PDB file of N, CA and C in Angstrom:
ATOM      1  N   MET A   1     -46.704 101.155  27.404  1.00  0.00           N
ATOM      2  CA  MET A   1     -46.089 101.658  29.003  1.00  0.00           C
ATOM      3  C   MET A   1     -45.035 102.659  28.346  1.00  0.00           C
ATOM      4  N   HIS A   2     -44.329 103.431  29.112  1.00  0.00           N
ATOM      5  CA  HIS A   2     -43.671 104.146  28.576  1.00  0.00           C
ATOM      6  C   HIS A   2     -43.969 105.108  27.241  1.00  0.00           C
ATOM      7  N   HIS A   3     -45.271 105.529  26.866  1.00  0.00           N
ATOM      8  CA  HIS A   3     -45.771 105.985  25.851  1.00  0.00           C
ATOM      9  C   HIS A   3     -46.188 104.991  24.292  1.00  0.00           C
ATOM     10  N   ARG A   4     -46.206 103.683  24.763  1.00  0.00           N
ATOM     11  CA  ARG A   4     -46.288 102.663  23.605  1.00  0.00           C
ATOM     12  C   ARG A   4     -47.412 101.598  24.819  1.00  0.00           C
ATOM     13  N   GLU A   5     -47.596 100.332  23.771  1.00  0.00           N
ATOM     14  CA  GLU A   5     -48.626  99.710  23.844  1.00  0.00           C
ATOM     15  C   GLU A   5     -47.493  98.788  24.180  1.00  0.00           C
ATOM     16  N   LEU A   6     -48.074  97.978  25.613  1.00  0.00           N
ATOM     17  CA  LEU A   6     -47.637  96.459  25.475  1.00  0.00           C
ATOM     18  C   LEU A   6     -48.748  95.278  25.544  1.00  0.00           C
ATOM     19  N   PRO A   7     -48.968  94.485  24.440  1.00  0.00           N
ATOM     20  CA  PRO A   7     -49.879  93.850  24.633  1.00  0.00           C
ATOM     21  C   PRO A   7     -50.008  92.430  25.914  1.00  0.00           C
ATOM     22  N   ALA A   8     -51.024  92.706  26.595  1.00  0.00           N
ATOM     23  CA  ALA A   8     -50.853  91.718  27.787  1.00  0.00           C
ATOM     24  C   ALA A   8     -52.005  91.051  27.683  1.00  0.00           C
ATOM     25  N   ARG A   9     -51.485  89.629  28.622  1.00  0.00           N
ATOM     26  CA  ARG A   9     -52.482  88.521  28.604  1.00  0.00           C
ATOM     27  C   ARG A   9     -54.241  88.933  28.800  1.00  0.00           C
ATOM     28  N   ALA A  10     -53.941  90.295  29.904  1.00  0.00           N
ATOM     29  CA  ALA A  10     -54.944  89.879  31.067  1.00  0.00           C
ATOM     30  C   ALA A  10     -54.508  91.006  31.742  1.00  0.00           C
ATOM     31  N   ALA A  11     -55.381  92.277  31.907  1.00  0.00           N
ATOM     32  CA  ALA A  11     -55.855  93.256  33.170  1.00  0.00           C
ATOM     33  C   ALA A  11     -56.902  93.435  33.474  1.00  0.00           C
ATOM     34  N   ARG A  12     -56.732  92.949  35.264  1.00  0.00           N
ATOM     35  CA  ARG A  12     -57.835  93.248  36.241  1.00  0.00           C
ATOM     36  C   ARG A  12     -57.227  94.124  37.105  1.00  0.00           C
ATOM     37  N   ALA A  13     -58.320  94.938  37.558  1.00  0.00           N
ATOM     38  CA  ALA A  13     -57.786  95.624  38.446  1.00  0.00           C
ATOM     39  C   ALA A  13     -56.748  95.598  39.060  1.00  0.00           C
ATOM     40  N   ASP A  14     -56.222  95.174  39.979  1.00  0.00           N
ATOM     41  CA  ASP A  14     -54.760  95.663  39.838  1.00  0.00           C
ATOM     42  C   ASP A  14     -53.648  94.147  39.595  1.00  0.00           C
ATOM     43  N   LEU A  15     -54.131  93.693  38.524  1.00  0.00           N
ATOM     44  CA  LEU A  15     -53.137  92.432  38.627  1.00  0.00           C
ATOM     45  C   LEU A  15     -53.274  92.507  36.812  1.00  0.00           C
ATOM     46  N   VAL A  16     -51.493  92.632  36.124  1.00  0.00           N
ATOM     47  CA  VAL A  16     -51.287  92.286  35.155  1.00  0.00           C
ATOM     48  C   VAL A  16     -50.412  91.086  34.649  1.00  0.00           C
ATOM     49  N   TRP A  17     -51.148  90.625  33.425  1.00  0.00           N
ATOM     50  CA  TRP A  17     -50.636  89.157  32.838  1.00  0.00           C
ATOM     51  C   TRP A  17     -49.875  89.250  31.818  1.00  0.00           C
ATOM     52  N   PHE A  18     -48.592  89.098  31.691  1.00  0.00           N
ATOM     53  CA  PHE A  18     -47.886  89.048  30.269  1.00  0.00           C
ATOM     54  C   PHE A  18     -47.278  87.806  30.129  1.00  0.00           C
ATOM     55  N   GLY A  19     -46.619  87.513  29.240  1.00  0.00           N
ATOM     56  CA  GLY A  19     -45.651  86.736  27.542  1.00  0.00           C
ATOM     57  C   GLY A  19     -44.220  87.087  28.175  1.00  0.00           C
ATOM     58  N   PHE A  20     -43.393  86.397  28.783  1.00  0.00           N
ATOM     59  CA  PHE A  20     -41.792  86.268  28.825  1.00  0.00           C
ATOM     60  C   PHE A  20     -41.852  87.661  27.592  1.00  0.00           C
ATOM     61  N   ASP A  21     -42.149  86.398  26.618  1.00  0.00           N
ATOM     62  CA  ASP A  21     -41.478  87.028  24.914  1.00  0.00           C
ATOM     63  C   ASP A  21     -41.864  88.161  25.140  1.00  0.00           C
ATOM     64  N   VAL A  22     -42.854  88.874  25.492  1.00  0.00           N
ATOM     65  CA  VAL A  22     -43.620  90.116  25.271  1.00  0.00           C
ATOM     66  C   VAL A  22     -42.664  91.145  26.383  1.00  0.00           C
ATOM     67  N   LEU A  23     -42.531  90.633  27.377  1.00  0.00           N
ATOM     68  CA  LEU A  23     -41.757  91.401  28.608  1.00  0.00           C
ATOM     69  C   LEU A  23     -40.634  91.309  28.409  1.00  0.00           C
ATOM     70  N   CYS A  24     -39.945  90.505  28.064  1.00  0.00           N
ATOM     71  CA  CYS A  24     -38.279  90.133  28.676  1.00  0.00           C
ATOM     72  C   CYS A  24     -37.136  89.809  27.092  1.00  0.00           C
ATOM     73  N   GLU A  25     -37.898  90.090  25.993  1.00  0.00           N
ATOM     74  CA  GLU A  25     -37.929  89.290  25.235  1.00  0.00           C
ATOM     75  C   GLU A  25     -37.902  90.709  23.832  1.00  0.00           C
ATOM     76  N   GLY A  26     -38.688  91.488  23.896  1.00  0.00           N
ATOM     77  CA  GLY A  26     -39.544  92.269  23.612  1.00  0.00           C
ATOM     78  C   GLY A  26     -38.654  93.712  23.780  1.00  0.00           C
ATOM     79  N   ALA A  27     -39.211  95.251  23.014  1.00  0.00           N
ATOM     80  CA  ALA A  27     -38.164  95.953  23.237  1.00  0.00           C
ATOM     81  C   ALA A  27     -38.930  97.013  24.000  1.00  0.00           C
ATOM     82  N   THR A  28     -38.956  96.494  25.593  1.00  0.00           N
ATOM     83  CA  THR A  28     -39.239  96.765  26.578  1.00  0.00           C
ATOM     84  C   THR A  28     -37.900  97.564  27.412  1.00  0.00           C
ATOM     85  N   ALA A  29     -38.232  97.874  28.633  1.00  0.00           N
ATOM     86  CA  ALA A  29     -37.019  98.953  29.377  1.00  0.00           C
ATOM     87  C   ALA A  29     -37.220  98.943  30.323  1.00  0.00           C
ATOM     88  N   LEU A  30     -36.082  99.433  31.337  1.00  0.00           N
ATOM     89  CA  LEU A  30     -36.239  99.671  32.923  1.00  0.00           C
ATOM     90  C   LEU A  30     -37.530 100.599  33.069  1.00  0.00           C
ATOM     91  N   PRO A  31     -38.018 101.901  32.214  1.00  0.00           N
ATOM     92  CA  PRO A  31     -39.091 102.851  32.445  1.00  0.00           C
ATOM     93  C   PRO A  31     -40.560 102.167  32.347  1.00  0.00           C
ATOM     94  N   ASP A  32     -40.716 100.980  31.785  1.00  0.00           N
ATOM     95  CA  ASP A  32     -42.082 100.260  31.298  1.00  0.00           C
ATOM     96  C   ASP A  32     -41.640  99.581  32.446  1.00  0.00           C
ATOM     97  N   TYR A  33     -41.141  99.274  33.067  1.00  0.00           N
ATOM     98  CA  TYR A  33     -41.376  98.585  34.526  1.00  0.00           C
ATOM     99  C   TYR A  33     -41.600  98.732  35.411  1.00  0.00           C
ATOM    100  N   LEU A  34     -41.092 100.228  35.413  1.00  0.00           N
ATOM    101  CA  LEU A  34     -41.512 101.125  36.461  1.00  0.00           C
ATOM    102  C   LEU A  34     -42.755 101.661  37.031  1.00  0.00           C
ATOM    103  N   ALA A  35     -43.076 101.939  35.424  1.00  0.00           N
ATOM    104  CA  ALA A  35     -44.344 101.934  35.230  1.00  0.00           C
ATOM    105  C   ALA A  35     -45.781 101.310  35.186  1.00  0.00           C
ATOM    106  N   LEU A  36     -44.952 100.186  35.324  1.00  0.00           N
ATOM    107  CA  LEU A  36     -45.811  98.751  35.600  1.00  0.00           C
ATOM    108  C   LEU A  36     -46.135  98.656  37.020  1.00  0.00           C
ATOM    109  N   ALA A  37     -45.460  98.560  37.567  1.00  0.00           N
ATOM    110  CA  ALA A  37     -45.513  98.482  38.939  1.00  0.00           C
ATOM    111  C   ALA A  37     -45.826  99.694  39.982  1.00  0.00           C
ATOM    112  N   GLU A  38     -46.123 100.924  39.185  1.00  0.00           N
ATOM    113  CA  GLU A  38     -46.721 101.799  39.630  1.00  0.00           C
ATOM    114  C   GLU A  38     -48.397 101.591  39.408  1.00  0.00           C
ATOM    115  N   ARG A  39     -48.988 101.097  37.928  1.00  0.00           N
ATOM    116  CA  ARG A  39     -50.009 101.105  38.061  1.00  0.00           C
ATOM    117  C   ARG A  39     -50.751  99.794  38.692  1.00  0.00           C
ATOM    118  N   PHE A  40     -49.488  98.551  38.690  1.00  0.00           N
ATOM    119  CA  PHE A  40     -50.181  97.580  39.070  1.00  0.00           C
ATOM    120  C   PHE A  40     -49.442  97.142  40.271  1.00  0.00           C
ATOM    121  N   GLY A  41     -50.202  96.200  41.101  1.00  0.00           N
ATOM    122  CA  GLY A  41     -49.650  95.333  42.637  1.00  0.00           C
ATOM    123  C   GLY A  41     -48.998  94.018  42.390  1.00  0.00           C
ATOM    124  N   THR A  42     -49.676  93.633  41.669  1.00  0.00           N
ATOM    125  CA  THR A  42     -49.326  92.444  40.914  1.00  0.00           C
ATOM    126  C   THR A  42     -49.200  91.884  39.708  1.00  0.00           C
ATOM    127  N   LEU A  43     -47.666  91.448  39.143  1.00  0.00           N
ATOM    128  CA  LEU A  43     -47.521  91.092  38.280  1.00  0.00           C
ATOM    129  C   LEU A  43     -47.627  89.136  37.591  1.00  0.00           C
ATOM    130  N   VAL A  44     -48.251  88.746  36.571  1.00  0.00           N
ATOM    131  CA  VAL A  44     -47.755  87.573  36.288  1.00  0.00           C
ATOM    132  C   VAL A  44     -47.403  87.348  35.192  1.00  0.00           C
ATOM    133  N   LEU A  45     -45.728  86.449  34.979  1.00  0.00           N
ATOM    134  CA  LEU A  45     -44.888  86.676  34.158  1.00  0.00           C
ATOM    135  C   LEU A  45     -45.129  85.350  33.045  1.00  0.00           C
ATOM    136  N   GLU A  46     -45.942  84.943  32.189  1.00  0.00           N
ATOM    137  CA  GLU A  46     -46.066  83.464  32.054  1.00  0.00           C
ATOM    138  C   GLU A  46     -44.893  83.180  30.709  1.00  0.00           C
ATOM    139  N   GLY A  47     -44.708  81.610  30.549  1.00  0.00           N
ATOM    140  CA  GLY A  47     -43.648  81.278  29.627  1.00  0.00           C
ATOM    141  C   GLY A  47     -42.061  81.946  29.951  1.00  0.00           C
ATOM    142  N   VAL A  48     -41.983  81.465  31.048  1.00  0.00           N
ATOM    143  CA  VAL A  48     -40.444  81.784  31.220  1.00  0.00           C
ATOM    144  C   VAL A  48     -39.633  80.510  31.402  1.00  0.00           C
ATOM    145  N   PRO A  49     -38.553  80.903  29.965  1.00  0.00           N
ATOM    146  CA  PRO A  49     -37.765  79.883  29.953  1.00  0.00           C
ATOM    147  C   PRO A  49     -36.746  80.023  30.354  1.00  0.00           C
ATOM    148  N   PRO A  50     -35.827  78.698  30.622  1.00  0.00           N
ATOM    149  CA  PRO A  50     -34.729  78.429  31.053  1.00  0.00           C
ATOM    150  C   PRO A  50     -33.469  79.454  30.973  1.00  0.00           C
ATOM    151  N   PRO A  51     -32.708  80.417  31.487  1.00  0.00           N
ATOM    152  CA  PRO A  51     -31.974  81.095  31.557  1.00  0.00           C
ATOM    153  C   PRO A  51     -31.345  80.892  30.253  1.00  0.00           C
ATOM    154  N   ALA A  52     -30.458  79.674  30.410  1.00  0.00           N
ATOM    155  CA  ALA A  52     -30.075  79.590  28.894  1.00  0.00           C
ATOM    156  C   ALA A  52     -30.097  79.750  27.469  1.00  0.00           C
ATOM    157  N   SER A  53     -31.496  79.444  27.409  1.00  0.00           N
ATOM    158  CA  SER A  53     -32.208  80.070  25.946  1.00  0.00           C
ATOM    159  C   SER A  53     -32.616  81.094  25.914  1.00  0.00           C
ATOM    160  N   CYS A  54     -32.766  81.827  26.815  1.00  0.00           N
ATOM    161  CA  CYS A  54     -32.898  83.660  26.476  1.00  0.00           C
ATOM    162  C   CYS A  54     -31.823  84.525  25.808  1.00  0.00           C
ATOM    163  N   THR A  55     -31.781  85.595  25.463  1.00  0.00           N
ATOM    164  CA  THR A  55     -31.030  86.401  24.831  1.00  0.00           C
ATOM    165  C   THR A  55     -30.533  87.068  26.013  1.00  0.00           C
ATOM    166  N   PRO A  56     -29.104  87.341  26.057  1.00  0.00           N
ATOM    167  CA  PRO A  56     -28.483  88.265  26.509  1.00  0.00           C
ATOM    168  C   PRO A  56     -29.266  89.138  27.253  1.00  0.00           C
ATOM    169  N   ASP A  57     -29.744  89.793  26.114  1.00  0.00           N
ATOM    170  CA  ASP A  57     -30.846  90.883  26.286  1.00  0.00           C
ATOM    171  C   ASP A  57     -32.468  90.832  27.261  1.00  0.00           C
ATOM    172  N   GLY A  58     -32.435  89.383  27.226  1.00  0.00           N
ATOM    173  CA  GLY A  58     -34.113  88.904  28.001  1.00  0.00           C
ATOM    174  C   GLY A  58     -33.487  88.680  29.600  1.00  0.00           C
ATOM    175  N   ARG A  59     -32.044  88.051  29.176  1.00  0.00           N
ATOM    176  CA  ARG A  59     -31.951  87.771  30.426  1.00  0.00           C
ATOM    177  C   ARG A  59     -31.662  89.145  31.611  1.00  0.00           C
ATOM    178  N   GLN A  60     -31.118  90.398  30.887  1.00  0.00           N
ATOM    179  CA  GLN A  60     -30.878  91.558  31.647  1.00  0.00           C
ATOM    180  C   GLN A  60     -32.384  91.794  31.307  1.00  0.00           C
ATOM    181  N   ARG A  61     -33.178  91.854  30.616  1.00  0.00           N
ATOM    182  CA  ARG A  61     -34.447  92.811  31.179  1.00  0.00           C
ATOM    183  C   ARG A  61     -35.531  92.061  32.422  1.00  0.00           C
ATOM    184  N   PHE A  62     -34.856  90.361  32.555  1.00  0.00           N
ATOM    185  CA  PHE A  62     -36.051  89.615  33.750  1.00  0.00           C
ATOM    186  C   PHE A  62     -35.604  89.948  34.780  1.00  0.00           C
ATOM    187  N   ALA A  63     -33.939  90.160  34.536  1.00  0.00           N
ATOM    188  CA  ALA A  63     -33.345  90.568  35.622  1.00  0.00           C
ATOM    189  C   ALA A  63     -33.772  92.375  36.387  1.00  0.00           C
ATOM    190  N   ASP A  64     -33.996  92.945  35.589  1.00  0.00           N
ATOM    191  CA  ASP A  64     -34.275  94.649  35.641  1.00  0.00           C
ATOM    192  C   ASP A  64     -35.995  94.316  36.429  1.00  0.00           C
ATOM    193  N   LEU A  65     -36.444  93.677  35.895  1.00  0.00           N
ATOM    194  CA  LEU A  65     -38.442  93.103  36.047  1.00  0.00           C
ATOM    195  C   LEU A  65     -37.875  92.883  37.634  1.00  0.00           C
ATOM    196  N   ALA A  66     -37.273  91.757  37.984  1.00  0.00           N
ATOM    197  CA  ALA A  66     -36.953  91.101  39.033  1.00  0.00           C
ATOM    198  C   ALA A  66     -36.742  92.674  40.193  1.00  0.00           C
ATOM    199  N   ASP A  67     -35.418  93.485  39.915  1.00  0.00           N
ATOM    200  CA  ASP A  67     -35.312  94.531  40.749  1.00  0.00           C
ATOM    201  C   ASP A  67     -36.004  95.242  40.944  1.00  0.00           C
ATOM    202  N   VAL A  68     -37.157  95.634  40.321  1.00  0.00           N
ATOM    203  CA  VAL A  68     -38.201  96.786  40.263  1.00  0.00           C
ATOM    204  C   VAL A  68     -39.319  96.103  41.117  1.00  0.00           C
ATOM    205  N   CYS A  69     -39.404  94.516  40.776  1.00  0.00           N
ATOM    206  CA  CYS A  69     -40.682  93.863  41.563  1.00  0.00           C
ATOM    207  C   CYS A  69     -40.470  93.902  42.835  1.00  0.00           C
ATOM    208  N   CYS A  70     -39.109  94.023  43.103  1.00  0.00           N
ATOM    209  CA  CYS A  70     -38.312  94.053  44.955  1.00  0.00           C
ATOM    210  C   CYS A  70     -38.659  95.322  45.541  1.00  0.00           C
ATOM    211  N   ASP A  71     -38.215  96.210  44.707  1.00  0.00           N
ATOM    212  CA  ASP A  71     -37.736  97.438  45.246  1.00  0.00           C
ATOM    213  C   ASP A  71     -38.898  98.095  45.369  1.00  0.00           C
ATOM    214  N   ARG A  72     -40.268  97.899  44.210  1.00  0.00           N
ATOM    215  CA  ARG A  72     -41.682  98.660  44.814  1.00  0.00           C
ATOM    216  C   ARG A  72     -42.639  97.524  45.607  1.00  0.00           C
ATOM    217  N   GLY A  73     -42.310  96.602  45.789  1.00  0.00           N
ATOM    218  CA  GLY A  73     -43.066  95.743  46.328  1.00  0.00           C
ATOM    219  C   GLY A  73     -44.323  95.092  45.737  1.00  0.00           C
ATOM    220  N   THR A  74     -44.051  94.911  44.351  1.00  0.00           N
ATOM    221  CA  THR A  74     -44.768  94.555  43.100  1.00  0.00           C
ATOM    222  C   THR A  74     -44.781  92.436  43.661  1.00  0.00           C
ATOM    223  N   ARG A  75     -45.387  92.384  43.661  1.00  0.00           N
ATOM    224  CA  ARG A  75     -45.753  90.435  43.988  1.00  0.00           C
ATOM    225  C   ARG A  75     -45.723  90.413  42.139  1.00  0.00           C
ATOM    226  N   LEU A  76     -45.203  89.638  42.263  1.00  0.00           N
ATOM    227  CA  LEU A  76     -44.532  88.584  40.746  1.00  0.00           C
ATOM    228  C   LEU A  76     -44.512  87.518  40.763  1.00  0.00           C
ATOM    229  N   PHE A  77     -45.185  86.744  40.212  1.00  0.00           N
ATOM    230  CA  PHE A  77     -45.913  85.190  39.709  1.00  0.00           C
ATOM    231  C   PHE A  77     -45.194  84.541  38.316  1.00  0.00           C
ATOM    232  N   LEU A  78     -44.582  83.380  37.991  1.00  0.00           N
ATOM    233  CA  LEU A  78     -43.610  83.698  37.428  1.00  0.00           C
ATOM    234  C   LEU A  78     -44.184  81.791  36.892  1.00  0.00           C
ATOM    235  N   ILE A  79     -44.756  81.767  35.846  1.00  0.00           N
ATOM    236  CA  ILE A  79     -44.688  80.561  35.440  1.00  0.00           C
ATOM    237  C   ILE A  79     -43.916  80.010  34.228  1.00  0.00           C
ATOM    238  N   GLY A  80     -43.753  78.582  34.233  1.00  0.00           N
ATOM    239  CA  GLY A  80     -42.581  78.285  33.297  1.00  0.00           C
ATOM    240  C   GLY A  80     -41.814  77.880  34.237  1.00  0.00           C
ATOM    241  N   ALA A  81     -40.703  77.792  33.452  1.00  0.00           N
ATOM    242  CA  ALA A  81     -39.194  76.922  33.767  1.00  0.00           C
ATOM    243  C   ALA A  81     -38.414  77.912  35.283  1.00  0.00           C
ATOM    244  N   ASP A  82     -37.525  76.767  36.592  1.00  0.00           N
ATOM    245  CA  ASP A  82     -37.025  78.010  37.326  1.00  0.00           C
ATOM    246  C   ASP A  82     -35.933  78.701  36.691  1.00  0.00           C
ATOM    247  N   PRO A  83     -35.883  79.494  36.581  1.00  0.00           N
ATOM    248  CA  PRO A  83     -35.653  80.184  36.429  1.00  0.00           C
ATOM    249  C   PRO A  83     -33.906  80.246  36.756  1.00  0.00           C
ATOM    250  N   LEU A  84     -33.228  79.372  37.912  1.00  0.00           N
ATOM    251  CA  LEU A  84     -31.847  79.036  37.744  1.00  0.00           C
ATOM    252  C   LEU A  84     -31.655  77.529  37.778  1.00  0.00           C
ATOM    253  N   ALA A  85     -33.005  76.937  37.729  1.00  0.00           N
ATOM    254  CA  ALA A  85     -32.861  75.713  37.042  1.00  0.00           C
ATOM    255  C   ALA A  85     -31.817  74.761  36.216  1.00  0.00           C
ATOM    256  N   GLY A  86     -31.075  73.617  36.379  1.00  0.00           N
ATOM    257  CA  GLY A  86     -29.901  73.222  35.290  1.00  0.00           C
ATOM    258  C   GLY A  86     -28.935  73.749  34.711  1.00  0.00           C
ATOM    259  N   LEU A  87     -28.436  74.811  35.233  1.00  0.00           N
ATOM    260  CA  LEU A  87     -27.278  75.475  35.132  1.00  0.00           C
ATOM    261  C   LEU A  87     -26.307  75.183  36.558  1.00  0.00           C
ATOM    262  N   PRO A  88     -25.087  74.434  35.473  1.00  0.00           N
ATOM    263  CA  PRO A  88     -23.617  74.332  35.959  1.00  0.00           C
ATOM    264  C   PRO A  88     -23.282  75.091  37.295  1.00  0.00           C
ATOM    265  N   GLN A  89     -22.916  74.608  38.676  1.00  0.00           N
ATOM    266  CA  GLN A  89     -22.578  75.451  39.364  1.00  0.00           C
ATOM    267  C   GLN A  89     -21.235  76.420  38.920  1.00  0.00           C
ATOM    268  N   ASP A  90     -20.678  75.679  38.217  1.00  0.00           N
ATOM    269  CA  ASP A  90     -19.367  76.589  37.627  1.00  0.00           C
ATOM    270  C   ASP A  90     -19.929  77.871  36.099  1.00  0.00           C
ATOM    271  N   SER A  91     -21.183  77.748  35.957  1.00  0.00           N
ATOM    272  CA  SER A  91     -21.739  78.399  34.910  1.00  0.00           C
ATOM    273  C   SER A  91     -21.747  80.198  35.235  1.00  0.00           C
ATOM    274  N   GLY A  92     -20.566  80.373  34.039  1.00  0.00           N
ATOM    275  CA  GLY A  92     -20.853  82.329  33.937  1.00  0.00           C
ATOM    276  C   GLY A  92     -22.277  82.272  33.996  1.00  0.00           C
ATOM    277  N   LEU A  93     -23.191  81.812  33.742  1.00  0.00           N
ATOM    278  CA  LEU A  93     -24.497  82.226  33.702  1.00  0.00           C
ATOM    279  C   LEU A  93     -25.545  82.443  35.267  1.00  0.00           C
ATOM    280  N   LEU A  94     -24.864  81.155  35.734  1.00  0.00           N
ATOM    281  CA  LEU A  94     -24.872  81.363  37.041  1.00  0.00           C
ATOM    282  C   LEU A  94     -24.546  82.242  38.308  1.00  0.00           C
ATOM    283  N   ARG A  95     -23.328  82.876  37.334  1.00  0.00           N
ATOM    284  CA  ARG A  95     -22.701  84.171  38.493  1.00  0.00           C
ATOM    285  C   ARG A  95     -23.552  85.304  38.408  1.00  0.00           C
ATOM    286  N   ASP A  96     -23.512  85.688  37.073  1.00  0.00           N
ATOM    287  CA  ASP A  96     -24.312  86.487  36.639  1.00  0.00           C
ATOM    288  C   ASP A  96     -26.152  86.852  37.209  1.00  0.00           C
ATOM    289  N   LEU A  97     -26.657  85.394  37.241  1.00  0.00           N
ATOM    290  CA  LEU A  97     -27.552  85.564  37.636  1.00  0.00           C
ATOM    291  C   LEU A  97     -27.798  85.344  39.585  1.00  0.00           C
ATOM    292  N   ASP A  98     -27.101  85.566  39.940  1.00  0.00           N
ATOM    293  CA  ASP A  98     -26.923  85.586  41.519  1.00  0.00           C
ATOM    294  C   ASP A  98     -27.984  86.536  42.108  1.00  0.00           C
ATOM    295  N   ARG A  99     -27.886  87.983  41.873  1.00  0.00           N
ATOM    296  CA  ARG A  99     -28.475  88.639  42.151  1.00  0.00           C
ATOM    297  C   ARG A  99     -29.887  88.608  41.977  1.00  0.00           C
ATOM    298  N   THR A 100     -30.089  88.358  40.424  1.00  0.00           N
ATOM    299  CA  THR A 100     -31.766  88.013  40.330  1.00  0.00           C
ATOM    300  C   THR A 100     -32.116  86.946  41.137  1.00  0.00           C
ATOM    301  N   ALA A 101     -31.222  85.735  41.664  1.00  0.00           N
ATOM    302  CA  ALA A 101     -31.947  84.564  42.371  1.00  0.00           C
ATOM    303  C   ALA A 101     -32.007  85.379  43.762  1.00  0.00           C
ATOM    304  N   SER A 102     -31.357  86.655  44.081  1.00  0.00           N
ATOM    305  CA  SER A 102     -31.258  87.045  45.103  1.00  0.00           C
ATOM    306  C   SER A 102     -32.849  88.021  45.725  1.00  0.00           C
ATOM    307  N   ARG A 103     -32.947  88.563  44.783  1.00  0.00           N
ATOM    308  CA  ARG A 103     -33.999  88.981  44.680  1.00  0.00           C
ATOM    309  C   ARG A 103     -35.215  88.465  44.240  1.00  0.00           C
ATOM    310  N   LEU A 104     -35.284  87.080  43.709  1.00  0.00           N
ATOM    311  CA  LEU A 104     -36.472  86.318  43.533  1.00  0.00           C
ATOM    312  C   LEU A 104     -36.600  86.027  44.768  1.00  0.00           C
ATOM    313  N   ALA A 105     -35.816  85.346  45.597  1.00  0.00           N
ATOM    314  CA  ALA A 105     -35.921  84.654  46.931  1.00  0.00           C
ATOM    315  C   ALA A 105     -36.388  86.078  47.828  1.00  0.00           C
ATOM    316  N   MET A 106     -35.703  87.207  47.705  1.00  0.00           N
ATOM    317  CA  MET A 106     -36.624  87.869  48.555  1.00  0.00           C
ATOM    318  C   MET A 106     -38.050  88.590  48.098  1.00  0.00           C
ATOM    319  N   LEU A 107     -38.401  88.595  47.044  1.00  0.00           N
ATOM    320  CA  LEU A 107     -39.489  88.496  46.664  1.00  0.00           C
ATOM    321  C   LEU A 107     -40.702  87.085  47.170  1.00  0.00           C
ATOM    322  N   ARG A 108     -40.653  85.967  47.157  1.00  0.00           N
ATOM    323  CA  ARG A 108     -40.533  85.097  47.929  1.00  0.00           C
ATOM    324  C   ARG A 108     -40.937  85.093  48.983  1.00  0.00           C
ATOM    325  N   ARG A 109     -39.694  85.530  49.896  1.00  0.00           N
ATOM    326  CA  ARG A 109     -40.214  85.814  51.012  1.00  0.00           C
ATOM    327  C   ARG A 109     -41.126  86.719  51.618  1.00  0.00           C
ATOM    328  N   GLU A 110     -40.931  87.728  50.807  1.00  0.00           N
ATOM    329  CA  GLU A 110     -42.254  88.711  51.199  1.00  0.00           C
ATOM    330  C   GLU A 110     -43.771  88.424  50.993  1.00  0.00           C
ATOM    331  N   ASP A 111     -43.563  87.647  49.695  1.00  0.00           N
ATOM    332  CA  ASP A 111     -45.109  86.975  49.460  1.00  0.00           C
ATOM    333  C   ASP A 111     -45.617  86.287  50.362  1.00  0.00           C
ATOM    334  N   GLY A 112     -44.510  85.326  51.436  1.00  0.00           N
ATOM    335  CA  GLY A 112     -44.689  84.799  52.022  1.00  0.00           C
ATOM    336  C   GLY A 112     -45.643  85.420  53.594  1.00  0.00           C
ATOM    337  N   ALA A 113     -44.946  86.232  53.518  1.00  0.00           N
ATOM    338  CA  ALA A 113     -45.463  87.273  54.636  1.00  0.00           C
ATOM    339  C   ALA A 113     -46.730  87.468  55.129  1.00  0.00           C
ATOM    340  N   ARG A 114     -47.032  87.888  53.869  1.00  0.00           N
ATOM    341  CA  ARG A 114     -48.404  88.528  53.716  1.00  0.00           C
ATOM    342  C   ARG A 114     -49.857  87.698  54.221  1.00  0.00           C
TER     343      ARG A 114
END
């Protein structure tokens, strides 16, 4: 994507499947997510770790991906840890993930409406 190849685990018709390590912990950026959303209606993200074990860049890329999927109407399936599980309520990390949690909830509601 964005003038380079991203190694997908699978790509079929309107669906693409990536590992979290490639799409969020790798050297990707917002334009990559926009290009994916233009090409695919469904994105599967496998190996989603607990947020505390991600790098700050990985958490930001995950948040960017959730934003793009929400804004573009791309279905996002997450396989792995609950992105918000295990964080103490007073955790600064939880506050940072508030917007992401909101966007994921929106995606879940939109998917249920189909």
